[in-house]
Amino acid sequence: MLLLILSLLCVSGFAEQCQYDQLHGKALNVKHSIDVGAKFLNATSDSTAACQQACCEEAACDTALYSVRASAKGHTCFLFECGSKCILKKSQGKNYNLFKVSRSEPSSENAMDFPSTDEV
């Protein structure tokens, strides 16, 4: 049991941290982006925050497209691996929110120090 708790603490202390930059006035031209090599990864339904988190948890995801207007199935979140291959177009931003996701390792102040086995 103690080993399980320590494992969970260790994993959570070293998780990637994601930053989300909303691209205002931009929309993703999905068809053209896929034609030039962007990859569609997944689609989920939930809130904007859940959409961002889903992209953060998907290692290849760097772009999230969230539908602002709910369809019969609710809101939809589309996850993409764009790199430099996504093609953007101007948008009034009424139907979708587009987020660029970047990752960074947590700073050393967030890392947890555990005693060595010699100290226990």
C-alpha atoms as a PDB file:
ATOM      1  CA  MET A   1       0.000   0.000   0.000  1.00  0.00           C
ATOM      2  CA  LEU A   2       2.799   2.429   0.906  1.00  0.00           C
ATOM      3  CA  LEU A   3       4.530   1.670  -2.383  1.00  0.00           C
ATOM      4  CA  LEU A   4       1.334   2.501  -4.292  1.00  0.00           C
ATOM      5  CA  ILE A   5       0.955   5.845  -2.514  1.00  0.00           C
ATOM      6  CA  LEU A   6       4.603   6.748  -3.122  1.00  0.00           C
ATOM      7  CA  SER A   7       4.250   5.796  -6.793  1.00  0.00           C
ATOM      8  CA  LEU A   8       1.218   8.035  -7.231  1.00  0.00           C
ATOM      9  CA  LEU A   9       2.929  10.944  -5.505  1.00  0.00           C
ATOM     10  CA  CYS A  10       6.020  10.513  -7.621  1.00  0.00           C
ATOM     11  CA  VAL A  11       4.075  10.402 -10.901  1.00  0.00           C
ATOM     12  CA  SER A  12       1.981  13.453 -10.050  1.00  0.00           C
ATOM     13  CA  GLY A  13       5.078  15.405  -9.053  1.00  0.00           C
ATOM     14  CA  PHE A  14       6.737  14.875 -12.416  1.00  0.00           C
ATOM     15  CA  ALA A  15       3.784  15.306 -14.765  1.00  0.00           C
ATOM     16  CA  GLU A  16       4.032  17.674 -17.698  1.00  0.00           C
ATOM     17  CA  GLN A  17       2.505  21.086 -17.340  1.00  0.00           C
ATOM     18  CA  CYS A  18       0.520  22.462 -20.266  1.00  0.00           C
ATOM     19  CA  GLN A  19      -0.084  26.024 -21.314  1.00  0.00           C
ATOM     20  CA  TYR A  20      -3.034  26.915 -23.516  1.00  0.00           C
ATOM     21  CA  ASP A  21      -2.961  29.851 -25.909  1.00  0.00           C
ATOM     22  CA  GLN A  22      -6.316  30.683 -27.466  1.00  0.00           C
ATOM     23  CA  LEU A  23      -5.906  31.796 -31.061  1.00  0.00           C
ATOM     24  CA  HIS A  24      -8.499  34.582 -31.260  1.00  0.00           C
ATOM     25  CA  GLY A  25      -9.897  35.366 -34.674  1.00  0.00           C
ATOM     26  CA  LYS A  26      -8.497  32.127 -36.124  1.00  0.00           C
ATOM     27  CA  ALA A  27     -10.098  28.864 -37.162  1.00  0.00           C
ATOM     28  CA  LEU A  28      -8.557  25.589 -38.233  1.00  0.00           C
ATOM     29  CA  ASN A  29      -9.078  24.637 -41.856  1.00  0.00           C
ATOM     30  CA  VAL A  30      -9.385  20.949 -40.999  1.00  0.00           C
ATOM     31  CA  LYS A  31      -9.560  19.469 -44.499  1.00  0.00           C
ATOM     32  CA  HIS A  32      -6.576  21.405 -45.854  1.00  0.00           C
ATOM     33  CA  SER A  33      -4.567  20.816 -42.683  1.00  0.00           C
ATOM     34  CA  ILE A  34      -5.059  17.045 -42.899  1.00  0.00           C
ATOM     35  CA  ASP A  35      -4.274  17.138 -46.626  1.00  0.00           C
ATOM     36  CA  VAL A  36      -0.827  18.617 -45.873  1.00  0.00           C
ATOM     37  CA  GLY A  37      -0.008  16.236 -43.022  1.00  0.00           C
ATOM     38  CA  ALA A  38      -1.718  17.320 -39.794  1.00  0.00           C
ATOM     39  CA  LYS A  39      -3.148  14.363 -37.876  1.00  0.00           C
ATOM     40  CA  PHE A  40      -6.603  14.070 -36.346  1.00  0.00           C
ATOM     41  CA  LEU A  41      -6.131  12.274 -33.012  1.00  0.00           C
ATOM     42  CA  ASN A  42      -9.432  12.069 -31.183  1.00  0.00           C
ATOM     43  CA  ALA A  43     -12.791  13.679 -30.477  1.00  0.00           C
ATOM     44  CA  THR A  44     -14.379  14.064 -27.068  1.00  0.00           C
ATOM     45  CA  SER A  45     -17.385  15.877 -25.658  1.00  0.00           C
ATOM     46  CA  ASP A  46     -17.226  18.057 -22.579  1.00  0.00           C
ATOM     47  CA  SER A  47     -16.233  21.525 -21.397  1.00  0.00           C
ATOM     48  CA  THR A  48     -13.494  23.831 -22.676  1.00  0.00           C
ATOM     49  CA  ALA A  49     -11.319  22.933 -19.678  1.00  0.00           C
ATOM     50  CA  ALA A  50     -11.836  19.202 -20.281  1.00  0.00           C
ATOM     51  CA  CYS A  51     -10.947  19.698 -23.941  1.00  0.00           C
ATOM     52  CA  GLN A  52      -7.695  21.424 -23.002  1.00  0.00           C
ATOM     53  CA  GLN A  53      -6.881  18.722 -20.446  1.00  0.00           C
ATOM     54  CA  ALA A  54      -7.604  15.960 -22.979  1.00  0.00           C
ATOM     55  CA  CYS A  55      -5.089  17.516 -25.359  1.00  0.00           C
ATOM     56  CA  CYS A  56      -2.532  17.824 -22.560  1.00  0.00           C
ATOM     57  CA  GLU A  57      -2.932  14.146 -21.704  1.00  0.00           C
ATOM     58  CA  GLU A  58      -2.577  13.069 -25.366  1.00  0.00           C
ATOM     59  CA  ALA A  59       1.195  13.153 -25.928  1.00  0.00           C
ATOM     60  CA  ALA A  60       1.019  14.029 -29.633  1.00  0.00           C
ATOM     61  CA  CYS A  61      -1.695  16.690 -29.287  1.00  0.00           C
ATOM     62  CA  ASP A  62      -0.665  20.298 -29.836  1.00  0.00           C
ATOM     63  CA  THR A  63      -3.952  21.794 -31.056  1.00  0.00           C
ATOM     64  CA  ALA A  64      -7.480  21.573 -29.633  1.00  0.00           C
ATOM     65  CA  LEU A  65     -10.606  22.775 -31.415  1.00  0.00           C
ATOM     66  CA  TYR A  66     -13.662  23.162 -29.151  1.00  0.00           C
ATOM     67  CA  SER A  67     -17.193  23.723 -30.479  1.00  0.00           C
ATOM     68  CA  VAL A  68     -18.794  26.637 -28.661  1.00  0.00           C
ATOM     69  CA  ARG A  69     -22.268  25.882 -29.946  1.00  0.00           C
ATOM     70  CA  ALA A  70     -23.696  22.590 -28.805  1.00  0.00           C
ATOM     71  CA  SER A  71     -25.026  20.197 -31.398  1.00  0.00           C
ATOM     72  CA  ALA A  72     -27.545  17.446 -30.708  1.00  0.00           C
ATOM     73  CA  LYS A  73     -24.622  15.474 -29.235  1.00  0.00           C
ATOM     74  CA  GLY A  74     -23.442  18.387 -27.082  1.00  0.00           C
ATOM     75  CA  HIS A  75     -20.146  20.248 -27.354  1.00  0.00           C
ATOM     76  CA  THR A  76     -17.346  18.540 -29.221  1.00  0.00           C
ATOM     77  CA  CYS A  77     -13.594  18.765 -28.777  1.00  0.00           C
ATOM     78  CA  PHE A  78     -11.299  17.790 -31.650  1.00  0.00           C
ATOM     79  CA  LEU A  79      -7.650  16.987 -30.934  1.00  0.00           C
ATOM     80  CA  PHE A  80      -4.928  17.370 -33.564  1.00  0.00           C
ATOM     81  CA  GLU A  81      -1.209  16.941 -33.994  1.00  0.00           C
ATOM     82  CA  CYS A  82      -0.361  19.897 -36.206  1.00  0.00           C
ATOM     83  CA  GLY A  83       3.291  20.717 -35.755  1.00  0.00           C
ATOM     84  CA  SER A  84       3.724  23.340 -38.465  1.00  0.00           C
ATOM     85  CA  LYS A  85       1.204  21.693 -40.796  1.00  0.00           C
ATOM     86  CA  CYS A  86      -2.088  23.212 -39.679  1.00  0.00           C
ATOM     87  CA  ILE A  87      -3.618  25.801 -41.931  1.00  0.00           C
ATOM     88  CA  LEU A  88      -5.505  28.574 -40.186  1.00  0.00           C
ATOM     89  CA  LYS A  89      -8.084  30.959 -41.565  1.00  0.00           C
ATOM     90  CA  LYS A  90      -9.725  34.117 -40.235  1.00  0.00           C
ATOM     91  CA  SER A  91     -12.748  33.584 -38.057  1.00  0.00           C
ATOM     92  CA  GLN A  92     -15.097  35.579 -35.895  1.00  0.00           C
ATOM     93  CA  GLY A  93     -14.758  32.853 -33.276  1.00  0.00           C
ATOM     94  CA  LYS A  94     -18.476  32.371 -32.728  1.00  0.00           C
ATOM     95  CA  ASN A  95     -18.607  28.638 -33.353  1.00  0.00           C
ATOM     96  CA  TYR A  96     -15.218  27.306 -32.230  1.00  0.00           C
ATOM     97  CA  ASN A  97     -12.394  28.083 -29.832  1.00  0.00           C
ATOM     98  CA  LEU A  98      -8.947  27.127 -31.098  1.00  0.00           C
ATOM     99  CA  PHE A  99      -6.147  26.430 -28.623  1.00  0.00           C
ATOM    100  CA  LYS A 100      -2.443  25.885 -29.194  1.00  0.00           C
ATOM    101  CA  VAL A 101      -1.046  23.640 -26.472  1.00  0.00           C
ATOM    102  CA  SER A 102       2.564  23.744 -25.323  1.00  0.00           C
ATOM    103  CA  ARG A 103       4.217  21.598 -22.695  1.00  0.00           C
ATOM    104  CA  SER A 104       6.975  22.121 -20.194  1.00  0.00           C
ATOM    105  CA  GLU A 105       8.547  20.010 -17.517  1.00  0.00           C
ATOM    106  CA  PRO A 106       7.643  21.109 -13.969  1.00  0.00           C
ATOM    107  CA  SER A 107      10.212  23.248 -12.245  1.00  0.00           C
ATOM    108  CA  SER A 108      12.444  21.624  -9.659  1.00  0.00           C
ATOM    109  CA  GLU A 109      10.529  23.381  -6.890  1.00  0.00           C
ATOM    110  CA  ASN A 110       7.497  21.243  -7.808  1.00  0.00           C
ATOM    111  CA  ALA A 111       9.470  18.001  -7.702  1.00  0.00           C
ATOM    112  CA  MET A 112       9.156  15.971  -4.551  1.00  0.00           C
ATOM    113  CA  ASP A 113      12.211  14.848  -2.600  1.00  0.00           C
ATOM    114  CA  PHE A 114      12.060  11.341  -1.228  1.00  0.00           C
ATOM    115  CA  PRO A 115      14.571   9.920   1.237  1.00  0.00           C
ATOM    116  CA  SER A 116      16.941   7.294  -0.060  1.00  0.00           C
ATOM    117  CA  THR A 117      16.425   3.736   1.109  1.00  0.00           C
ATOM    118  CA  ASP A 118      19.461   4.199   3.389  1.00  0.00           C
ATOM    119  CA  GLU A 119      17.609   6.893   5.364  1.00  0.00           C
ATOM    120  CA  VAL A 120      14.374   4.946   5.900  1.00  0.00           C
END
